[in-house]
Amino acid sequence: MTGNDFMAWLLRSPFHGMLSNGMMLITITGRKTGRKFTTPVGYYREGEYLWVITNHDRTWWKNLQGGASVELLLKRKRVIARAEPELDEQTVETRMSEYLHQVPLAARPMGIRMEKGKPNTDDLAQTAKDRLFVRIQLN
């Protein structure tokens, strides 16, 4: 069982509560193959949107370019939503700064130093080159 398989099992189980406030499953349909695949992702909520941060070298988000319907398992409930990646580096940098304001413990694993509660601007700019956000609008 891989780490993703274990996370998916846990998020589907009655024990999901310990993870569901920041992790969910997203099911995406491949644009070329039409096959559905599911992966666990971290998220944070801002109003009617969920935001997922991922690396450019992951491939799942590419199926969402231009916007696509997705199925989420959010707090063990199935939700249909619309998702689209944010690729602009400046937008990603701004969004990442907002994310780190909400989740400052995420800075260190990303290699971003926090200075007086704010992310180091050089670290932020460098990290934004390798990351992107996926915006998910809840229906």
N, C-alpha and C. Protein backbone atom coordinates (compact mmCIF):
# COMPACT_ATOMS: atom_id res chain seq x y z
N MET A 1 0.85 -1.18 0.00
CA MET A 1 0.00 0.00 0.00
C MET A 1 0.90 1.24 0.00
N THR A 2 0.67 2.15 -0.95
CA THR A 2 1.46 3.38 -1.02
C THR A 2 0.93 4.40 -0.01
N GLY A 3 1.68 5.48 0.16
CA GLY A 3 1.24 6.55 1.06
C GLY A 3 -0.08 7.15 0.61
N ASN A 4 -0.25 7.35 -0.71
CA ASN A 4 -1.51 7.89 -1.23
C ASN A 4 -2.66 6.92 -0.99
N ASP A 5 -2.40 5.61 -1.16
CA ASP A 5 -3.45 4.61 -0.91
C ASP A 5 -3.89 4.64 0.54
N PHE A 6 -2.92 4.76 1.45
CA PHE A 6 -3.24 4.80 2.87
C PHE A 6 -4.05 6.05 3.20
N MET A 7 -3.63 7.20 2.66
CA MET A 7 -4.37 8.45 2.91
C MET A 7 -5.79 8.34 2.37
N ALA A 8 -5.95 7.77 1.18
CA ALA A 8 -7.28 7.61 0.60
C ALA A 8 -8.14 6.71 1.47
N TRP A 9 -7.56 5.61 1.94
CA TRP A 9 -8.30 4.70 2.83
C TRP A 9 -8.74 5.44 4.09
N LEU A 10 -7.82 6.19 4.68
CA LEU A 10 -8.12 6.90 5.92
C LEU A 10 -9.20 7.96 5.71
N LEU A 11 -9.14 8.70 4.60
CA LEU A 11 -10.13 9.73 4.32
C LEU A 11 -11.52 9.16 4.04
N ARG A 12 -11.58 7.90 3.60
CA ARG A 12 -12.87 7.24 3.37
C ARG A 12 -13.41 6.56 4.62
N SER A 13 -12.57 6.42 5.63
CA SER A 13 -12.91 5.64 6.82
C SER A 13 -13.59 6.50 7.88
N PRO A 14 -14.17 5.85 8.90
CA PRO A 14 -14.74 6.60 10.02
C PRO A 14 -13.69 7.40 10.80
N PHE A 15 -12.41 7.13 10.56
CA PHE A 15 -11.33 7.81 11.26
C PHE A 15 -10.85 9.07 10.52
N HIS A 16 -11.61 9.48 9.51
CA HIS A 16 -11.21 10.61 8.66
C HIS A 16 -11.08 11.93 9.42
N GLY A 17 -11.76 12.07 10.54
CA GLY A 17 -11.82 13.35 11.26
C GLY A 17 -10.49 13.97 11.57
N MET A 18 -9.49 13.15 11.85
CA MET A 18 -8.18 13.70 12.20
C MET A 18 -7.47 14.35 11.01
N LEU A 19 -7.93 14.08 9.79
CA LEU A 19 -7.30 14.65 8.60
C LEU A 19 -8.20 15.55 7.77
N SER A 20 -9.50 15.38 7.88
CA SER A 20 -10.44 15.99 6.94
C SER A 20 -10.50 17.51 6.96
N ASN A 21 -9.98 18.15 7.98
CA ASN A 21 -9.99 19.62 7.98
C ASN A 21 -8.95 20.22 7.05
N GLY A 22 -8.02 19.40 6.57
CA GLY A 22 -7.00 19.92 5.66
C GLY A 22 -6.66 18.99 4.51
N MET A 23 -7.30 17.82 4.45
CA MET A 23 -7.05 16.85 3.37
C MET A 23 -8.39 16.39 2.81
N MET A 24 -8.39 16.08 1.52
CA MET A 24 -9.59 15.55 0.86
C MET A 24 -9.14 14.69 -0.31
N LEU A 25 -10.08 13.99 -0.90
CA LEU A 25 -9.82 13.24 -2.13
C LEU A 25 -10.43 14.02 -3.29
N ILE A 26 -9.69 14.11 -4.38
CA ILE A 26 -10.21 14.74 -5.59
C ILE A 26 -10.20 13.70 -6.70
N THR A 27 -11.32 13.57 -7.40
CA THR A 27 -11.44 12.65 -8.53
C THR A 27 -11.54 13.48 -9.80
N ILE A 28 -10.66 13.17 -10.72
CA ILE A 28 -10.51 13.92 -11.96
C ILE A 28 -10.68 12.96 -13.13
N THR A 29 -11.26 13.44 -14.21
CA THR A 29 -11.38 12.65 -15.43
C THR A 29 -10.26 13.07 -16.38
N GLY A 30 -9.49 12.09 -16.85
CA GLY A 30 -8.41 12.37 -17.79
C GLY A 30 -8.96 12.90 -19.10
N ARG A 31 -8.38 13.97 -19.60
CA ARG A 31 -8.87 14.57 -20.85
C ARG A 31 -8.64 13.67 -22.06
N LYS A 32 -7.52 12.97 -22.09
CA LYS A 32 -7.21 12.10 -23.24
C LYS A 32 -7.85 10.73 -23.10
N THR A 33 -7.76 10.14 -21.90
CA THR A 33 -8.21 8.76 -21.71
C THR A 33 -9.67 8.65 -21.30
N GLY A 34 -10.19 9.70 -20.66
CA GLY A 34 -11.55 9.63 -20.13
C GLY A 34 -11.65 8.81 -18.85
N ARG A 35 -10.51 8.28 -18.39
CA ARG A 35 -10.51 7.50 -17.15
C ARG A 35 -10.51 8.42 -15.93
N LYS A 36 -11.19 7.96 -14.90
CA LYS A 36 -11.22 8.71 -13.64
C LYS A 36 -10.10 8.23 -12.74
N PHE A 37 -9.49 9.17 -12.04
CA PHE A 37 -8.50 8.79 -11.04
C PHE A 37 -8.65 9.71 -9.84
N THR A 38 -8.30 9.17 -8.69
CA THR A 38 -8.48 9.86 -7.42
C THR A 38 -7.15 10.00 -6.72
N THR A 39 -6.92 11.18 -6.14
CA THR A 39 -5.70 11.41 -5.39
C THR A 39 -6.00 12.25 -4.15
N PRO A 40 -5.30 12.00 -3.05
CA PRO A 40 -5.48 12.85 -1.87
C PRO A 40 -4.71 14.17 -2.06
N VAL A 41 -5.31 15.26 -1.61
CA VAL A 41 -4.67 16.57 -1.70
C VAL A 41 -4.94 17.35 -0.41
N GLY A 42 -4.01 18.22 -0.08
CA GLY A 42 -4.23 19.16 1.01
C GLY A 42 -4.99 20.36 0.48
N TYR A 43 -5.79 20.99 1.33
CA TYR A 43 -6.56 22.15 0.90
C TYR A 43 -6.74 23.12 2.07
N TYR A 44 -7.13 24.33 1.71
CA TYR A 44 -7.64 25.26 2.71
C TYR A 44 -8.82 25.99 2.09
N ARG A 45 -9.72 26.43 2.94
CA ARG A 45 -10.96 27.04 2.47
C ARG A 45 -10.89 28.55 2.63
N GLU A 46 -11.44 29.23 1.62
CA GLU A 46 -11.57 30.68 1.65
C GLU A 46 -12.91 31.02 1.02
N GLY A 47 -13.90 31.27 1.84
CA GLY A 47 -15.25 31.56 1.34
C GLY A 47 -15.82 30.36 0.61
N GLU A 48 -16.26 30.59 -0.63
CA GLU A 48 -16.87 29.51 -1.41
C GLU A 48 -15.84 28.71 -2.21
N TYR A 49 -14.57 29.01 -1.99
CA TYR A 49 -13.50 28.32 -2.71
C TYR A 49 -12.67 27.44 -1.79
N LEU A 50 -12.19 26.34 -2.36
CA LEU A 50 -11.14 25.55 -1.75
C LEU A 50 -9.90 25.78 -2.61
N TRP A 51 -8.75 25.86 -1.96
CA TRP A 51 -7.49 26.06 -2.66
C TRP A 51 -6.57 24.89 -2.36
N VAL A 52 -5.99 24.34 -3.42
CA VAL A 52 -5.07 23.21 -3.31
C VAL A 52 -3.72 23.68 -3.86
N ILE A 53 -2.65 23.43 -3.12
CA ILE A 53 -1.31 23.77 -3.62
C ILE A 53 -0.65 22.47 -4.07
N THR A 54 0.02 22.54 -5.22
CA THR A 54 0.71 21.36 -5.74
C THR A 54 1.96 21.80 -6.50
N ASN A 55 2.78 20.86 -6.85
CA ASN A 55 4.00 21.12 -7.62
C ASN A 55 3.70 21.06 -9.11
N HIS A 56 4.45 21.84 -9.88
CA HIS A 56 4.31 21.80 -11.34
C HIS A 56 4.59 20.41 -11.90
N ASP A 57 5.50 19.65 -11.27
CA ASP A 57 5.86 18.34 -11.82
C ASP A 57 4.81 17.26 -11.59
N ARG A 58 3.79 17.53 -10.82
CA ARG A 58 2.66 16.60 -10.71
C ARG A 58 1.86 16.72 -12.01
N THR A 59 1.14 15.68 -12.37
CA THR A 59 0.43 15.73 -13.65
C THR A 59 -1.08 15.86 -13.51
N TRP A 60 -1.64 15.53 -12.37
CA TRP A 60 -3.10 15.49 -12.23
C TRP A 60 -3.77 16.82 -12.55
N TRP A 61 -3.16 17.92 -12.18
CA TRP A 61 -3.77 19.23 -12.35
C TRP A 61 -3.89 19.64 -13.82
N LYS A 62 -3.08 19.04 -14.70
CA LYS A 62 -3.11 19.42 -16.11
C LYS A 62 -4.45 19.10 -16.77
N ASN A 63 -5.16 18.13 -16.22
CA ASN A 63 -6.50 17.79 -16.73
C ASN A 63 -7.53 18.87 -16.39
N LEU A 64 -7.16 19.83 -15.57
CA LEU A 64 -8.09 20.87 -15.13
C LEU A 64 -7.89 22.19 -15.88
N GLN A 65 -6.92 22.26 -16.78
CA GLN A 65 -6.67 23.51 -17.50
C GLN A 65 -7.90 23.91 -18.29
N GLY A 66 -8.27 25.18 -18.16
CA GLY A 66 -9.48 25.67 -18.79
C GLY A 66 -10.72 25.42 -17.97
N GLY A 67 -10.57 24.74 -16.84
CA GLY A 67 -11.69 24.44 -15.94
C GLY A 67 -12.29 23.08 -16.24
N ALA A 68 -12.63 22.37 -15.19
CA ALA A 68 -13.23 21.04 -15.34
C ALA A 68 -14.03 20.69 -14.09
N SER A 69 -14.99 19.83 -14.29
CA SER A 69 -15.78 19.32 -13.17
C SER A 69 -14.96 18.26 -12.43
N VAL A 70 -15.02 18.30 -11.11
CA VAL A 70 -14.32 17.32 -10.27
C VAL A 70 -15.28 16.81 -9.21
N GLU A 71 -14.96 15.64 -8.69
CA GLU A 71 -15.70 15.11 -7.55
C GLU A 71 -14.76 15.11 -6.36
N LEU A 72 -15.24 15.61 -5.24
CA LEU A 72 -14.44 15.67 -4.03
C LEU A 72 -15.05 14.75 -2.99
N LEU A 73 -14.20 14.18 -2.16
CA LEU A 73 -14.65 13.55 -0.93
C LEU A 73 -14.16 14.49 0.16
N LEU A 74 -15.06 15.35 0.61
CA LEU A 74 -14.76 16.43 1.54
C LEU A 74 -15.44 16.14 2.87
N LYS A 75 -14.63 15.86 3.87
CA LYS A 75 -15.16 15.49 5.18
C LYS A 75 -16.14 14.33 5.06
N ARG A 76 -15.75 13.38 4.22
CA ARG A 76 -16.46 12.12 3.97
C ARG A 76 -17.81 12.31 3.27
N LYS A 77 -17.97 13.45 2.60
CA LYS A 77 -19.18 13.71 1.81
C LYS A 77 -18.78 13.97 0.37
N ARG A 78 -19.54 13.41 -0.56
CA ARG A 78 -19.26 13.60 -1.98
C ARG A 78 -19.79 14.96 -2.42
N VAL A 79 -18.94 15.70 -3.11
CA VAL A 79 -19.27 17.05 -3.56
C VAL A 79 -18.81 17.19 -5.01
N ILE A 80 -19.68 17.73 -5.86
CA ILE A 80 -19.30 18.04 -7.24
C ILE A 80 -18.91 19.52 -7.26
N ALA A 81 -17.80 19.83 -7.91
CA ALA A 81 -17.30 21.20 -7.94
C ALA A 81 -16.61 21.47 -9.27
N ARG A 82 -16.19 22.70 -9.45
CA ARG A 82 -15.46 23.10 -10.65
C ARG A 82 -14.07 23.54 -10.24
N ALA A 83 -13.06 23.03 -10.94
CA ALA A 83 -11.67 23.32 -10.58
C ALA A 83 -10.90 23.88 -11.77
N GLU A 84 -9.96 24.77 -11.45
CA GLU A 84 -9.11 25.35 -12.49
C GLU A 84 -7.78 25.76 -11.86
N PRO A 85 -6.66 25.44 -12.52
CA PRO A 85 -5.36 25.83 -11.97
C PRO A 85 -5.06 27.31 -12.15
N GLU A 86 -4.36 27.88 -11.18
CA GLU A 86 -3.80 29.24 -11.24
C GLU A 86 -2.33 29.08 -11.59
N LEU A 87 -1.92 29.51 -12.77
CA LEU A 87 -0.56 29.27 -13.24
C LEU A 87 0.33 30.51 -13.21
N ASP A 88 -0.25 31.69 -13.18
CA ASP A 88 0.53 32.93 -13.19
C ASP A 88 1.39 33.02 -11.93
N GLU A 89 2.73 33.16 -12.11
CA GLU A 89 3.66 33.15 -10.97
C GLU A 89 3.35 34.23 -9.95
N GLN A 90 3.00 35.43 -10.40
CA GLN A 90 2.70 36.52 -9.46
C GLN A 90 1.44 36.20 -8.65
N THR A 91 0.44 35.65 -9.32
CA THR A 91 -0.78 35.25 -8.62
C THR A 91 -0.49 34.14 -7.63
N VAL A 92 0.33 33.18 -8.05
CA VAL A 92 0.71 32.07 -7.16
C VAL A 92 1.47 32.61 -5.95
N GLU A 93 2.36 33.55 -6.18
CA GLU A 93 3.14 34.14 -5.09
C GLU A 93 2.22 34.84 -4.08
N THR A 94 1.27 35.61 -4.58
CA THR A 94 0.31 36.30 -3.71
C THR A 94 -0.54 35.30 -2.94
N ARG A 95 -1.04 34.30 -3.64
CA ARG A 95 -1.88 33.27 -3.01
C ARG A 95 -1.07 32.51 -1.96
N MET A 96 0.20 32.21 -2.26
CA MET A 96 1.04 31.47 -1.32
C MET A 96 1.29 32.29 -0.05
N SER A 97 1.46 33.58 -0.21
CA SER A 97 1.64 34.46 0.95
C SER A 97 0.39 34.42 1.83
N GLU A 98 -0.79 34.47 1.21
CA GLU A 98 -2.05 34.38 1.95
C GLU A 98 -2.19 33.02 2.63
N TYR A 99 -1.80 31.97 1.91
CA TYR A 99 -1.85 30.61 2.46
C TYR A 99 -0.96 30.49 3.69
N LEU A 100 0.26 31.01 3.60
CA LEU A 100 1.20 30.90 4.72
C LEU A 100 0.77 31.76 5.90
N HIS A 101 0.01 32.80 5.63
CA HIS A 101 -0.56 33.59 6.73
C HIS A 101 -1.56 32.74 7.51
N GLN A 102 -2.33 31.91 6.79
CA GLN A 102 -3.32 31.02 7.42
C GLN A 102 -2.68 29.77 8.00
N VAL A 103 -1.67 29.24 7.31
CA VAL A 103 -1.04 27.98 7.70
C VAL A 103 0.48 28.18 7.78
N PRO A 104 0.97 28.91 8.78
CA PRO A 104 2.40 29.22 8.83
C PRO A 104 3.30 28.00 8.97
N LEU A 105 2.78 26.91 9.52
CA LEU A 105 3.60 25.69 9.66
C LEU A 105 3.95 25.07 8.32
N ALA A 106 3.26 25.46 7.25
CA ALA A 106 3.55 24.93 5.91
C ALA A 106 4.80 25.56 5.30
N ALA A 107 5.28 26.65 5.86
CA ALA A 107 6.42 27.37 5.27
C ALA A 107 7.70 26.54 5.30
N ARG A 108 8.01 25.97 6.42
CA ARG A 108 9.28 25.26 6.57
C ARG A 108 9.43 24.09 5.59
N PRO A 109 8.43 23.20 5.45
CA PRO A 109 8.59 22.11 4.48
C PRO A 109 8.77 22.60 3.03
N MET A 110 8.28 23.81 2.74
CA MET A 110 8.45 24.37 1.39
C MET A 110 9.75 25.14 1.25
N GLY A 111 10.52 25.25 2.33
CA GLY A 111 11.79 25.98 2.28
C GLY A 111 11.62 27.48 2.33
N ILE A 112 10.54 27.94 2.94
CA ILE A 112 10.29 29.38 3.05
C ILE A 112 10.50 29.81 4.50
N ARG A 113 11.41 30.75 4.67
CA ARG A 113 11.65 31.28 6.02
C ARG A 113 10.57 32.31 6.36
N MET A 114 10.12 32.27 7.60
CA MET A 114 9.15 33.25 8.08
C MET A 114 9.90 34.28 8.92
N GLU A 115 9.62 35.55 8.65
CA GLU A 115 10.27 36.64 9.37
C GLU A 115 9.19 37.54 9.94
N LYS A 116 9.07 37.54 11.26
CA LYS A 116 8.04 38.33 11.96
C LYS A 116 6.65 38.01 11.43
N GLY A 117 6.39 36.72 11.22
CA GLY A 117 5.07 36.28 10.77
C GLY A 117 4.80 36.41 9.29
N LYS A 118 5.80 36.87 8.53
CA LYS A 118 5.62 37.04 7.09
C LYS A 118 6.67 36.20 6.36
N PRO A 119 6.29 35.66 5.19
CA PRO A 119 7.25 34.85 4.43
C PRO A 119 8.36 35.72 3.84
N ASN A 120 9.58 35.19 3.83
CA ASN A 120 10.71 35.84 3.19
C ASN A 120 10.40 35.99 1.70
N THR A 121 10.52 37.21 1.18
CA THR A 121 10.09 37.47 -0.21
C THR A 121 10.91 36.71 -1.25
N ASP A 122 12.21 36.57 -1.01
CA ASP A 122 13.05 35.82 -1.96
C ASP A 122 12.67 34.34 -1.97
N ASP A 123 12.48 33.77 -0.78
CA ASP A 123 12.07 32.36 -0.68
C ASP A 123 10.72 32.16 -1.35
N LEU A 124 9.81 33.10 -1.11
CA LEU A 124 8.46 33.01 -1.67
C LEU A 124 8.51 33.04 -3.20
N ALA A 125 9.28 33.96 -3.76
CA ALA A 125 9.39 34.07 -5.22
C ALA A 125 9.99 32.81 -5.83
N GLN A 126 11.00 32.25 -5.18
CA GLN A 126 11.64 31.03 -5.68
C GLN A 126 10.67 29.85 -5.64
N THR A 127 9.97 29.70 -4.54
CA THR A 127 9.04 28.58 -4.38
C THR A 127 7.86 28.70 -5.34
N ALA A 128 7.41 29.92 -5.60
CA ALA A 128 6.27 30.13 -6.49
C ALA A 128 6.56 29.67 -7.92
N LYS A 129 7.84 29.58 -8.29
CA LYS A 129 8.20 29.12 -9.64
C LYS A 129 7.90 27.63 -9.82
N ASP A 130 7.92 26.88 -8.72
CA ASP A 130 7.74 25.42 -8.78
C ASP A 130 6.34 24.97 -8.38
N ARG A 131 5.52 25.88 -7.90
CA ARG A 131 4.21 25.51 -7.36
C ARG A 131 3.10 26.20 -8.13
N LEU A 132 1.90 25.72 -7.90
CA LEU A 132 0.71 26.35 -8.43
C LEU A 132 -0.44 26.04 -7.49
N PHE A 133 -1.50 26.79 -7.64
CA PHE A 133 -2.71 26.54 -6.87
C PHE A 133 -3.81 26.11 -7.81
N VAL A 134 -4.66 25.25 -7.31
CA VAL A 134 -5.88 24.87 -8.03
C VAL A 134 -7.03 25.47 -7.24
N ARG A 135 -7.84 26.27 -7.93
CA ARG A 135 -9.01 26.89 -7.31
C ARG A 135 -10.22 26.00 -7.57
N ILE A 136 -10.90 25.64 -6.50
CA ILE A 136 -12.08 24.78 -6.62
C ILE A 136 -13.28 25.56 -6.11
N GLN A 137 -14.24 25.77 -7.00
CA GLN A 137 -15.45 26.49 -6.61
C GLN A 137 -16.52 25.48 -6.24
N LEU A 138 -16.98 25.60 -5.00
CA LEU A 138 -18.03 24.71 -4.53
C LEU A 138 -19.36 25.17 -5.10
N ASN A 139 -20.18 24.23 -5.52
CA ASN A 139 -21.49 24.57 -6.11
C ASN A 139 -22.51 24.83 -5.04
